[in-house]
């Protein structure tokens, strides 16, 4: 139920012990859920 809510409302989800950057969104894919990590740039001002 929590994953369904996070996916349907496009919540930004953060958790410890997840691969870097540890933030992302949840996407429903049929009967399962997938974490989509946020885009991360170490130095966005240099592009």
Protein backbone atom coordinates (compact mmCIF):
# COMPACT_ATOMS: atom_id res chain seq x y z
CA UNK A 1 0.00 0.00 0.00
CA UNK A 2 2.85 2.44 0.75
CA UNK A 3 4.53 1.77 -2.60
CA UNK A 4 1.21 2.18 -4.41
CA UNK A 5 0.67 5.56 -2.72
CA UNK A 6 4.23 6.73 -3.48
CA UNK A 7 3.89 5.71 -7.13
CA UNK A 8 0.44 7.21 -7.69
CA UNK A 9 1.33 10.56 -6.09
CA UNK A 10 4.89 10.67 -7.46
CA UNK A 11 6.41 11.22 -4.01
CA UNK A 12 10.14 11.76 -3.71
CA UNK A 13 11.31 8.83 -1.58
CA UNK A 14 14.52 8.75 0.44
CA UNK A 15 15.89 5.90 2.48
CA UNK A 16 19.08 4.73 4.11
CA UNK A 17 20.89 1.73 2.66
CA UNK A 18 19.79 2.47 -0.91
CA UNK A 19 22.31 2.90 -3.69
CA UNK A 20 23.54 6.48 -4.22
CA UNK A 21 21.94 9.00 -4.33
CA UNK A 22 19.35 7.33 -2.05
CA UNK A 23 16.54 9.51 -3.41
CA UNK A 24 14.12 8.63 -6.14
CA UNK A 25 10.60 7.99 -7.27
CA UNK A 26 8.59 4.76 -7.29
CA UNK A 27 7.04 3.54 -10.52
CA UNK A 28 4.40 0.82 -10.78
CA UNK A 29 5.25 -1.79 -13.42
CA UNK A 30 2.48 -4.34 -13.67
CA UNK A 31 2.39 -6.23 -10.37
CA UNK A 32 5.74 -4.91 -9.14
CA UNK A 33 7.36 -1.58 -8.25
CA UNK A 34 10.61 -0.03 -9.40
CA UNK A 35 12.71 2.74 -7.87
CA UNK A 36 13.84 5.42 -10.29
CA UNK A 37 16.82 7.33 -8.83
CA UNK A 38 16.88 11.12 -9.09
CA UNK A 39 19.32 12.66 -11.52
CA UNK A 40 22.49 13.72 -9.71
CA UNK A 41 25.35 15.92 -10.86
CA UNK A 42 28.30 16.49 -8.57
CA UNK A 43 29.01 19.94 -10.02
CA UNK A 44 25.98 21.26 -11.95
CA UNK A 45 27.43 24.79 -12.25
CA UNK A 46 30.28 23.57 -14.48
CA UNK A 47 28.14 22.59 -17.51
